[in-house]
N, C-alpha and C. Protein backbone atom coordinates (compact mmCIF):
# COMPACT_ATOMS: atom_id res chain seq x y z
N UNK A 1 403.14 190.09 82.27
CA UNK A 1 402.70 189.98 83.62
C UNK A 1 403.39 188.81 84.30
N UNK A 2 404.69 188.69 84.10
CA UNK A 2 405.44 187.56 84.65
C UNK A 2 405.71 187.75 86.13
N UNK A 3 405.54 186.69 86.94
CA UNK A 3 405.92 186.81 88.34
C UNK A 3 407.43 186.86 88.41
N UNK A 4 407.93 187.73 89.22
CA UNK A 4 409.36 187.89 89.24
C UNK A 4 409.82 188.36 90.60
N UNK A 5 411.07 188.11 90.87
CA UNK A 5 411.72 188.63 92.06
C UNK A 5 412.89 189.44 91.56
N UNK A 6 412.83 190.74 91.81
CA UNK A 6 413.90 191.61 91.36
C UNK A 6 414.80 191.93 92.53
N UNK A 7 416.08 191.77 92.35
CA UNK A 7 417.06 192.12 93.36
C UNK A 7 417.61 193.48 92.99
N UNK A 8 417.35 194.47 93.83
CA UNK A 8 417.78 195.83 93.56
C UNK A 8 419.02 196.10 94.40
N UNK A 9 420.12 196.44 93.75
CA UNK A 9 421.37 196.70 94.45
C UNK A 9 421.36 198.12 95.01
N UNK A 10 421.76 198.24 96.27
CA UNK A 10 421.89 199.57 96.87
C UNK A 10 420.56 200.18 97.23
N UNK A 11 420.26 201.32 96.66
CA UNK A 11 419.07 202.09 96.99
C UNK A 11 417.81 201.42 96.46
N UNK A 12 416.71 201.56 97.20
CA UNK A 12 415.45 200.95 96.80
C UNK A 12 414.90 201.58 95.53
N UNK A 13 415.32 202.82 95.21
CA UNK A 13 414.84 203.50 94.01
C UNK A 13 415.64 203.11 92.78
N UNK A 14 416.74 202.38 92.95
CA UNK A 14 417.62 202.00 91.86
C UNK A 14 417.09 200.76 91.16
N UNK A 15 416.13 200.94 90.25
CA UNK A 15 415.50 199.82 89.58
C UNK A 15 416.31 199.37 88.37
N UNK A 16 417.19 200.22 87.86
CA UNK A 16 417.96 199.88 86.68
C UNK A 16 418.92 198.72 86.94
N UNK A 17 419.55 198.68 88.10
CA UNK A 17 420.53 197.65 88.42
C UNK A 17 419.84 196.50 89.17
N UNK A 18 418.92 195.82 88.50
CA UNK A 18 418.17 194.75 89.17
C UNK A 18 418.37 193.44 88.44
N UNK A 19 418.32 192.38 89.24
CA UNK A 19 418.35 191.03 88.71
C UNK A 19 416.97 190.43 88.93
N UNK A 20 416.37 189.88 87.89
CA UNK A 20 415.00 189.39 87.99
C UNK A 20 414.97 187.89 88.22
N UNK A 21 414.10 187.46 89.15
CA UNK A 21 413.86 186.06 89.42
C UNK A 21 412.36 185.82 89.30
N UNK A 22 411.98 184.73 88.71
CA UNK A 22 410.56 184.44 88.53
C UNK A 22 410.24 183.05 89.04
N UNK A 23 409.09 182.88 89.71
CA UNK A 23 408.67 181.52 90.04
C UNK A 23 408.52 180.71 88.75
N UNK A 24 408.87 179.46 88.82
CA UNK A 24 408.87 178.61 87.64
C UNK A 24 407.43 178.32 87.20
N UNK A 25 407.11 178.70 85.96
CA UNK A 25 405.76 178.48 85.43
C UNK A 25 405.77 177.49 84.28
N UNK A 26 406.93 176.92 83.96
CA UNK A 26 407.01 176.03 82.79
C UNK A 26 406.22 174.75 82.99
N UNK A 27 406.35 174.12 84.15
CA UNK A 27 405.67 172.83 84.37
C UNK A 27 404.16 172.99 84.33
N UNK A 28 403.54 173.96 85.06
CA UNK A 28 402.08 174.08 84.95
C UNK A 28 401.62 174.40 83.52
N UNK A 29 402.39 175.18 82.80
CA UNK A 29 402.01 175.50 81.42
C UNK A 29 402.06 174.25 80.54
N UNK A 30 403.10 173.44 80.70
CA UNK A 30 403.22 172.23 79.90
C UNK A 30 402.16 171.20 80.28
N UNK A 31 401.86 171.08 81.56
CA UNK A 31 400.82 170.14 81.99
C UNK A 31 399.47 170.58 81.44
N UNK A 32 399.19 171.88 81.49
CA UNK A 32 397.93 172.39 80.94
C UNK A 32 397.82 172.07 79.46
N UNK A 33 398.84 172.39 78.70
CA UNK A 33 398.81 172.16 77.25
C UNK A 33 398.68 170.68 76.93
N UNK A 34 399.49 169.86 77.58
CA UNK A 34 399.44 168.42 77.32
C UNK A 34 398.12 167.80 77.70
N UNK A 35 397.58 168.17 78.87
CA UNK A 35 396.31 167.62 79.33
C UNK A 35 395.18 167.98 78.38
N UNK A 36 395.13 169.23 77.97
CA UNK A 36 394.06 169.66 77.08
C UNK A 36 394.18 169.02 75.71
N UNK A 37 395.40 168.83 75.22
CA UNK A 37 395.60 168.19 73.92
C UNK A 37 395.17 166.72 73.97
N UNK A 38 395.60 165.99 74.99
CA UNK A 38 395.23 164.57 75.10
C UNK A 38 393.73 164.43 75.37
N UNK A 39 393.16 165.33 76.17
CA UNK A 39 391.72 165.28 76.43
C UNK A 39 390.93 165.49 75.14
N UNK A 40 391.38 166.41 74.30
CA UNK A 40 390.71 166.62 73.02
C UNK A 40 390.82 165.39 72.13
N UNK A 41 391.99 164.75 72.11
CA UNK A 41 392.17 163.54 71.30
C UNK A 41 391.29 162.40 71.80
N UNK A 42 391.21 162.23 73.12
CA UNK A 42 390.36 161.18 73.68
C UNK A 42 388.88 161.46 73.42
N UNK A 43 388.49 162.71 73.54
CA UNK A 43 387.10 163.08 73.25
C UNK A 43 386.75 162.82 71.79
N UNK A 44 387.68 163.14 70.89
CA UNK A 44 387.45 162.89 69.47
C UNK A 44 387.38 161.39 69.20
N UNK A 45 388.26 160.60 69.81
CA UNK A 45 388.23 159.15 69.63
C UNK A 45 386.93 158.57 70.16
N UNK A 46 386.46 159.06 71.29
CA UNK A 46 385.20 158.59 71.85
C UNK A 46 384.03 158.92 70.92
N UNK A 47 384.09 160.10 70.31
CA UNK A 47 383.03 160.52 69.41
C UNK A 47 383.03 159.69 68.13
N UNK A 48 384.22 159.34 67.64
CA UNK A 48 384.32 158.62 66.37
C UNK A 48 383.96 157.14 66.47
N UNK A 49 384.07 156.57 67.65
CA UNK A 49 383.65 155.17 67.80
C UNK A 49 382.13 155.09 67.68
N UNK A 50 381.68 154.27 66.78
CA UNK A 50 380.24 154.17 66.54
C UNK A 50 379.64 153.09 67.43
N UNK A 51 378.44 153.36 67.86
CA UNK A 51 377.72 152.36 68.65
C UNK A 51 376.96 151.44 67.68
N UNK A 52 376.49 150.25 68.13
CA UNK A 52 375.76 149.34 67.25
C UNK A 52 374.51 149.98 66.64
N UNK A 53 373.91 150.94 67.30
CA UNK A 53 372.72 151.59 66.77
C UNK A 53 373.03 152.48 65.57
N UNK A 54 374.28 152.97 65.51
CA UNK A 54 374.67 153.88 64.43
C UNK A 54 375.11 153.15 63.17
N UNK A 55 375.24 151.82 63.21
CA UNK A 55 375.82 151.07 62.10
C UNK A 55 374.86 151.01 60.92
N UNK A 56 373.59 150.85 61.13
CA UNK A 56 372.61 150.85 60.05
C UNK A 56 372.58 149.57 59.27
N UNK A 57 372.87 149.61 57.94
CA UNK A 57 372.76 148.47 57.05
C UNK A 57 374.01 147.60 57.02
N UNK A 58 374.92 147.81 57.90
CA UNK A 58 376.16 147.03 57.92
C UNK A 58 375.82 145.59 58.26
N UNK A 59 376.33 144.62 57.46
CA UNK A 59 375.94 143.22 57.64
C UNK A 59 376.99 142.41 58.38
N UNK A 60 378.16 142.94 58.64
CA UNK A 60 379.22 142.18 59.31
C UNK A 60 378.97 142.12 60.81
N UNK A 61 379.95 141.55 61.53
CA UNK A 61 379.80 141.48 62.99
C UNK A 61 379.83 142.88 63.59
N UNK A 62 378.97 143.12 64.54
CA UNK A 62 378.84 144.42 65.18
C UNK A 62 379.48 144.34 66.56
N UNK A 63 380.38 145.28 66.84
CA UNK A 63 381.01 145.33 68.16
C UNK A 63 380.37 146.44 68.98
N UNK A 64 380.21 146.16 70.24
CA UNK A 64 379.66 147.16 71.15
C UNK A 64 380.83 147.95 71.75
N UNK A 65 380.98 149.20 71.34
CA UNK A 65 382.07 150.05 71.82
C UNK A 65 381.63 150.92 72.99
N UNK A 66 380.49 150.65 73.58
CA UNK A 66 379.97 151.46 74.68
C UNK A 66 380.93 151.59 75.85
N UNK A 67 381.48 150.48 76.38
CA UNK A 67 382.41 150.60 77.51
C UNK A 67 383.69 151.36 77.14
N UNK A 68 384.19 151.14 75.91
CA UNK A 68 385.39 151.85 75.49
C UNK A 68 385.13 153.34 75.34
N UNK A 69 383.97 153.67 74.76
CA UNK A 69 383.60 155.08 74.63
C UNK A 69 383.46 155.74 75.98
N UNK A 70 382.85 155.02 76.94
CA UNK A 70 382.68 155.55 78.29
C UNK A 70 384.05 155.76 78.96
N UNK A 71 384.97 154.82 78.79
CA UNK A 71 386.31 154.95 79.37
C UNK A 71 387.07 156.12 78.75
N UNK A 72 386.98 156.26 77.43
CA UNK A 72 387.65 157.38 76.76
C UNK A 72 387.07 158.72 77.20
N UNK A 73 385.76 158.79 77.32
CA UNK A 73 385.12 160.04 77.76
C UNK A 73 385.50 160.36 79.21
N UNK A 74 385.55 159.34 80.06
CA UNK A 74 385.95 159.55 81.45
C UNK A 74 387.38 160.04 81.56
N UNK A 75 388.29 159.43 80.77
CA UNK A 75 389.68 159.87 80.77
C UNK A 75 389.80 161.30 80.26
N UNK A 76 389.00 161.65 79.26
CA UNK A 76 389.02 163.02 78.74
C UNK A 76 388.57 164.01 79.80
N UNK A 77 387.55 163.67 80.56
CA UNK A 77 387.07 164.56 81.63
C UNK A 77 388.13 164.72 82.71
N UNK A 78 388.79 163.64 83.10
CA UNK A 78 389.85 163.72 84.11
C UNK A 78 391.01 164.58 83.62
N UNK A 79 391.37 164.42 82.35
CA UNK A 79 392.46 165.23 81.81
C UNK A 79 392.06 166.70 81.69
N UNK A 80 390.81 166.99 81.40
CA UNK A 80 390.34 168.38 81.39
C UNK A 80 390.44 168.98 82.79
N UNK A 81 390.08 168.21 83.81
CA UNK A 81 390.18 168.70 85.18
C UNK A 81 391.64 168.95 85.55
N UNK A 82 392.53 168.05 85.15
CA UNK A 82 393.96 168.23 85.43
C UNK A 82 394.48 169.47 84.72
N UNK A 83 394.06 169.69 83.49
CA UNK A 83 394.49 170.87 82.75
C UNK A 83 393.99 172.16 83.38
N UNK A 84 392.75 172.14 83.88
CA UNK A 84 392.21 173.32 84.56
C UNK A 84 392.98 173.60 85.85
N UNK A 85 393.32 172.54 86.58
CA UNK A 85 394.09 172.69 87.83
C UNK A 85 395.47 173.28 87.54
N UNK A 86 396.15 172.79 86.52
CA UNK A 86 397.47 173.30 86.17
C UNK A 86 397.38 174.75 85.67
N UNK A 87 396.32 175.08 84.96
CA UNK A 87 396.14 176.46 84.50
C UNK A 87 395.93 177.40 85.68
N UNK A 88 395.22 176.95 86.70
CA UNK A 88 395.03 177.75 87.90
C UNK A 88 396.35 178.01 88.60
N UNK A 89 397.21 176.98 88.71
CA UNK A 89 398.53 177.16 89.31
C UNK A 89 399.35 178.15 88.48
N UNK A 90 399.30 178.04 87.18
CA UNK A 90 400.03 178.96 86.32
C UNK A 90 399.56 180.40 86.52
N UNK A 91 398.25 180.61 86.61
CA UNK A 91 397.72 181.95 86.84
C UNK A 91 398.14 182.51 88.19
N UNK A 92 398.14 181.67 89.22
CA UNK A 92 398.56 182.14 90.55
C UNK A 92 400.03 182.57 90.52
N UNK A 93 400.86 181.81 89.84
CA UNK A 93 402.27 182.18 89.76
C UNK A 93 402.49 183.42 88.90
N UNK A 94 401.64 183.62 87.91
CA UNK A 94 401.77 184.79 87.05
C UNK A 94 401.33 186.06 87.77
N UNK A 95 400.59 185.93 88.86
CA UNK A 95 400.04 187.08 89.55
C UNK A 95 400.89 187.56 90.71
N UNK A 96 402.11 187.04 90.86
CA UNK A 96 402.97 187.41 91.99
C UNK A 96 404.26 188.01 91.48
N UNK A 97 404.68 189.08 92.13
CA UNK A 97 405.95 189.73 91.81
C UNK A 97 406.62 190.13 93.12
N UNK A 98 407.90 189.80 93.26
CA UNK A 98 408.68 190.15 94.43
C UNK A 98 409.79 191.13 94.03
N UNK A 99 410.05 192.12 94.87
CA UNK A 99 411.15 193.05 94.65
C UNK A 99 411.97 193.11 95.92
N UNK A 100 413.25 192.79 95.81
CA UNK A 100 414.16 192.81 96.95
C UNK A 100 415.08 194.00 96.83
N UNK A 101 415.02 194.90 97.81
CA UNK A 101 415.94 196.04 97.86
C UNK A 101 416.86 195.83 99.06
N UNK A 102 417.70 196.79 99.32
CA UNK A 102 418.62 196.66 100.45
C UNK A 102 417.90 196.79 101.78
N UNK A 103 416.69 197.32 101.79
CA UNK A 103 415.97 197.56 103.04
C UNK A 103 414.73 196.70 103.24
N UNK A 104 414.12 196.25 102.14
CA UNK A 104 412.84 195.53 102.30
C UNK A 104 412.59 194.58 101.13
N UNK A 105 411.67 193.65 101.39
CA UNK A 105 411.15 192.76 100.37
C UNK A 105 409.71 193.16 100.13
N UNK A 106 409.39 193.54 98.90
CA UNK A 106 408.03 193.95 98.56
C UNK A 106 407.35 192.84 97.78
N UNK A 107 406.08 192.60 98.11
CA UNK A 107 405.28 191.56 97.47
C UNK A 107 404.10 192.24 96.80
N UNK A 108 403.95 191.98 95.50
CA UNK A 108 402.84 192.53 94.73
C UNK A 108 402.05 191.35 94.17
N UNK A 109 400.75 191.30 94.50
CA UNK A 109 399.90 190.18 94.09
C UNK A 109 398.69 190.68 93.32
N UNK A 110 398.25 189.86 92.36
CA UNK A 110 397.01 190.14 91.66
C UNK A 110 397.20 190.33 90.18
N UNK A 111 396.21 189.86 89.41
CA UNK A 111 396.22 190.08 87.97
C UNK A 111 395.49 191.36 87.61
N UNK A 112 394.29 191.54 88.14
CA UNK A 112 393.48 192.72 87.82
C UNK A 112 393.54 193.73 88.95
N UNK A 113 393.21 193.31 90.15
CA UNK A 113 393.36 194.16 91.32
C UNK A 113 394.72 193.84 91.93
N UNK A 114 395.38 194.82 92.46
CA UNK A 114 396.72 194.63 93.01
C UNK A 114 396.71 194.83 94.53
N UNK A 115 397.50 194.01 95.20
CA UNK A 115 397.76 194.17 96.63
C UNK A 115 399.27 194.21 96.79
N UNK A 116 399.75 195.22 97.49
CA UNK A 116 401.19 195.38 97.68
C UNK A 116 401.49 195.45 99.17
N UNK A 117 402.44 194.64 99.60
CA UNK A 117 402.87 194.65 100.99
C UNK A 117 404.38 194.51 101.02
N UNK A 118 404.98 194.82 102.16
CA UNK A 118 406.43 194.71 102.25
C UNK A 118 406.84 194.23 103.64
N UNK A 119 408.01 193.63 103.67
CA UNK A 119 408.61 193.19 104.92
C UNK A 119 409.98 193.86 105.01
N UNK A 120 410.21 194.58 106.11
CA UNK A 120 411.52 195.19 106.32
C UNK A 120 412.52 194.09 106.61
N UNK A 121 413.66 194.13 105.95
CA UNK A 121 414.64 193.05 106.09
C UNK A 121 415.26 192.98 107.48
N UNK A 122 415.29 194.10 108.21
CA UNK A 122 415.85 194.03 109.55
C UNK A 122 414.95 193.22 110.48
N UNK A 123 413.69 193.01 110.10
CA UNK A 123 412.77 192.20 110.90
C UNK A 123 412.91 190.69 110.63
N UNK A 124 413.57 190.33 109.55
CA UNK A 124 413.72 188.92 109.19
C UNK A 124 414.69 188.26 110.17
N UNK A 125 414.22 187.22 110.83
CA UNK A 125 415.03 186.51 111.83
C UNK A 125 415.67 185.24 111.27
N UNK A 126 415.01 184.60 110.32
CA UNK A 126 415.55 183.36 109.78
C UNK A 126 415.09 183.20 108.33
N UNK A 127 415.97 182.63 107.52
CA UNK A 127 415.67 182.34 106.13
C UNK A 127 415.92 180.84 105.93
N UNK A 128 414.92 180.12 105.42
CA UNK A 128 415.01 178.66 105.27
C UNK A 128 414.77 178.31 103.80
N UNK A 129 415.61 177.40 103.29
CA UNK A 129 415.45 176.91 101.92
C UNK A 129 415.00 175.46 101.98
N UNK A 130 413.88 175.14 101.34
CA UNK A 130 413.36 173.77 101.24
C UNK A 130 413.40 173.35 99.78
N UNK A 131 413.96 172.15 99.53
CA UNK A 131 414.02 171.61 98.18
C UNK A 131 413.76 170.11 98.24
N UNK A 132 412.80 169.65 97.45
CA UNK A 132 412.60 168.21 97.31
C UNK A 132 413.67 167.69 96.34
N UNK A 133 413.72 166.38 96.18
CA UNK A 133 414.71 165.78 95.28
C UNK A 133 414.53 166.29 93.85
N UNK A 134 413.29 166.32 93.38
CA UNK A 134 413.01 166.78 92.02
C UNK A 134 413.34 168.27 91.88
N UNK A 135 413.02 169.06 92.91
CA UNK A 135 413.34 170.49 92.86
C UNK A 135 414.85 170.71 92.83
N UNK A 136 415.60 169.91 93.58
CA UNK A 136 417.05 170.05 93.56
C UNK A 136 417.60 169.74 92.17
N UNK A 137 417.05 168.74 91.50
CA UNK A 137 417.50 168.40 90.16
C UNK A 137 417.21 169.54 89.17
N UNK A 138 416.12 170.25 89.38
CA UNK A 138 415.73 171.33 88.47
C UNK A 138 416.26 172.68 88.92
N UNK A 139 416.87 172.76 90.12
CA UNK A 139 417.39 174.03 90.63
C UNK A 139 416.33 174.91 91.24
N UNK A 140 415.17 174.35 91.55
CA UNK A 140 414.08 175.12 92.15
C UNK A 140 414.10 174.96 93.66
N UNK A 141 413.30 175.77 94.34
CA UNK A 141 413.17 175.65 95.78
C UNK A 141 412.17 176.62 96.33
N UNK A 142 411.81 176.40 97.60
CA UNK A 142 410.91 177.29 98.31
C UNK A 142 411.70 177.94 99.44
N UNK A 143 411.71 179.27 99.45
CA UNK A 143 412.41 180.02 100.49
C UNK A 143 411.36 180.56 101.45
N UNK A 144 411.53 180.27 102.73
CA UNK A 144 410.61 180.73 103.76
C UNK A 144 411.31 181.74 104.64
N UNK A 145 410.68 182.90 104.83
CA UNK A 145 411.22 183.94 105.69
C UNK A 145 410.42 183.96 106.99
N UNK A 146 411.11 183.92 108.10
CA UNK A 146 410.48 184.06 109.42
C UNK A 146 410.89 185.41 109.97
N UNK A 147 409.90 186.22 110.34
CA UNK A 147 410.20 187.59 110.76
C UNK A 147 409.39 187.97 111.99
N UNK A 148 409.66 189.16 112.48
CA UNK A 148 408.89 189.72 113.60
C UNK A 148 407.79 190.64 113.10
N UNK A 149 407.50 190.57 111.82
CA UNK A 149 406.45 191.38 111.22
C UNK A 149 405.09 191.01 111.83
N UNK A 150 404.25 192.00 112.09
CA UNK A 150 402.96 191.76 112.73
C UNK A 150 401.94 191.14 111.78
N UNK A 151 401.94 191.55 110.53
CA UNK A 151 400.93 191.08 109.57
C UNK A 151 401.27 189.71 109.01
N UNK A 152 402.51 189.54 108.55
CA UNK A 152 402.92 188.27 107.93
C UNK A 152 404.24 187.81 108.55
N UNK A 153 404.18 187.14 109.69
CA UNK A 153 405.44 186.70 110.32
C UNK A 153 406.15 185.59 109.54
N UNK A 154 405.42 184.86 108.70
CA UNK A 154 406.01 183.81 107.88
C UNK A 154 405.63 184.06 106.43
N UNK A 155 406.62 184.06 105.55
CA UNK A 155 406.37 184.29 104.13
C UNK A 155 407.11 183.23 103.34
N UNK A 156 406.38 182.47 102.51
CA UNK A 156 406.97 181.43 101.68
C UNK A 156 407.01 181.90 100.23
N UNK A 157 408.20 181.86 99.64
CA UNK A 157 408.39 182.20 98.23
C UNK A 157 408.61 180.87 97.50
N UNK A 158 407.60 180.40 96.80
CA UNK A 158 407.62 179.04 96.23
C UNK A 158 408.09 179.03 94.79
N UNK A 159 408.65 177.89 94.39
CA UNK A 159 409.04 177.57 93.01
C UNK A 159 409.98 178.59 92.39
N UNK A 160 410.99 178.97 93.13
CA UNK A 160 411.95 179.94 92.61
C UNK A 160 413.12 179.23 91.95
N UNK A 161 413.46 179.64 90.72
CA UNK A 161 414.63 179.05 90.07
C UNK A 161 415.90 179.61 90.71
N UNK A 162 416.98 178.84 90.64
CA UNK A 162 418.27 179.20 91.23
C UNK A 162 418.08 179.58 92.69
N UNK A 163 417.35 178.72 93.40
CA UNK A 163 416.94 179.01 94.77
C UNK A 163 418.12 179.10 95.74
N UNK A 164 419.17 178.33 95.51
CA UNK A 164 420.32 178.36 96.42
C UNK A 164 420.97 179.74 96.42
N UNK A 165 421.21 180.30 95.24
CA UNK A 165 421.83 181.62 95.14
C UNK A 165 420.91 182.70 95.72
N UNK A 166 419.63 182.60 95.45
CA UNK A 166 418.68 183.58 95.97
C UNK A 166 418.57 183.49 97.49
N UNK A 167 418.62 182.26 98.01
CA UNK A 167 418.61 182.05 99.46
C UNK A 167 419.78 182.78 100.12
N UNK A 168 420.96 182.63 99.54
CA UNK A 168 422.14 183.29 100.11
C UNK A 168 422.04 184.81 100.01
N UNK A 169 421.49 185.33 98.90
CA UNK A 169 421.31 186.78 98.77
C UNK A 169 420.33 187.31 99.80
N UNK A 170 419.21 186.60 100.00
CA UNK A 170 418.23 187.04 100.98
C UNK A 170 418.81 186.97 102.40
N UNK A 171 419.52 185.90 102.71
CA UNK A 171 420.12 185.75 104.03
C UNK A 171 421.13 186.86 104.29
N UNK A 172 421.99 187.14 103.32
CA UNK A 172 422.99 188.19 103.48
C UNK A 172 422.35 189.58 103.55
N UNK A 173 421.32 189.82 102.74
CA UNK A 173 420.65 191.12 102.78
C UNK A 173 419.96 191.35 104.12
N UNK A 174 419.36 190.31 104.68
CA UNK A 174 418.71 190.44 105.99
C UNK A 174 419.75 190.69 107.08
N UNK A 175 420.87 189.99 107.03
CA UNK A 175 421.92 190.21 108.03
C UNK A 175 422.49 191.62 107.91
N UNK A 176 422.69 192.08 106.69
CA UNK A 176 423.21 193.43 106.47
C UNK A 176 422.21 194.49 106.98
N UNK A 177 420.93 194.30 106.72
CA UNK A 177 419.92 195.25 107.18
C UNK A 177 419.85 195.28 108.71
N UNK A 178 420.01 194.12 109.34
CA UNK A 178 420.02 194.09 110.81
C UNK A 178 421.25 194.81 111.37
N UNK A 179 422.40 194.66 110.73
CA UNK A 179 423.61 195.34 111.18
C UNK A 179 423.47 196.85 111.05
N UNK A 180 422.87 197.31 109.97
CA UNK A 180 422.71 198.75 109.78
C UNK A 180 421.66 199.32 110.72
N UNK A 181 420.77 198.50 111.20
CA UNK A 181 419.71 198.95 112.11
C UNK A 181 420.22 199.15 113.54
N UNK A 182 421.35 198.53 113.87
CA UNK A 182 421.92 198.65 115.21
C UNK A 182 422.46 200.07 115.38
N UNK A 183 422.05 200.71 116.46
CA UNK A 183 422.48 202.08 116.74
C UNK A 183 423.65 202.01 117.72
N UNK A 184 424.78 202.58 117.33
CA UNK A 184 425.94 202.57 118.21
C UNK A 184 425.96 203.87 119.00
N UNK A 185 426.16 203.77 120.30
CA UNK A 185 426.23 204.94 121.17
C UNK A 185 427.68 205.27 121.48
N UNK A 186 428.04 206.54 121.41
CA UNK A 186 429.39 206.97 121.78
C UNK A 186 429.44 207.15 123.28
N UNK A 187 430.52 206.70 123.90
CA UNK A 187 430.64 206.84 125.35
C UNK A 187 431.50 208.00 125.70
């Protein structure tokens, strides 16, 4: 169920000759795994620190680990929240699939229930590529399409790998679709 953007060459029914693009899900997956692992370690460390009441017959100096246990438990809760947030981002990215044909861009959303919509490429008026410094280093970017579509005049395709090449393909496909849409009259 990977989110992907498939570029279909020529006819919209020609699925065999497609190039797949997927929104980047590596960072949210790694953040989720790392946060949950560190949260578990902090929770275990908090549990293993004994309070003075648990010491019993111990005759040596007793240290009060209450503040340290509270800090470790608090950090574990924060890391669990961060892991849940990253998992939510990962699920959102896994629930999106884009298909680019010579005539339209189709968007399919949802894990269990599906919603499918499309934008005709001849309606696309402008294609914009946004990349932060970190995204440029990783080759990611957000492509925004501005169109005359009534339902979704603005569509943002976020976290796409090899965004520069995809931006140029979308821009060229939209220009080509607009050229083919022009009706020439014989005089």
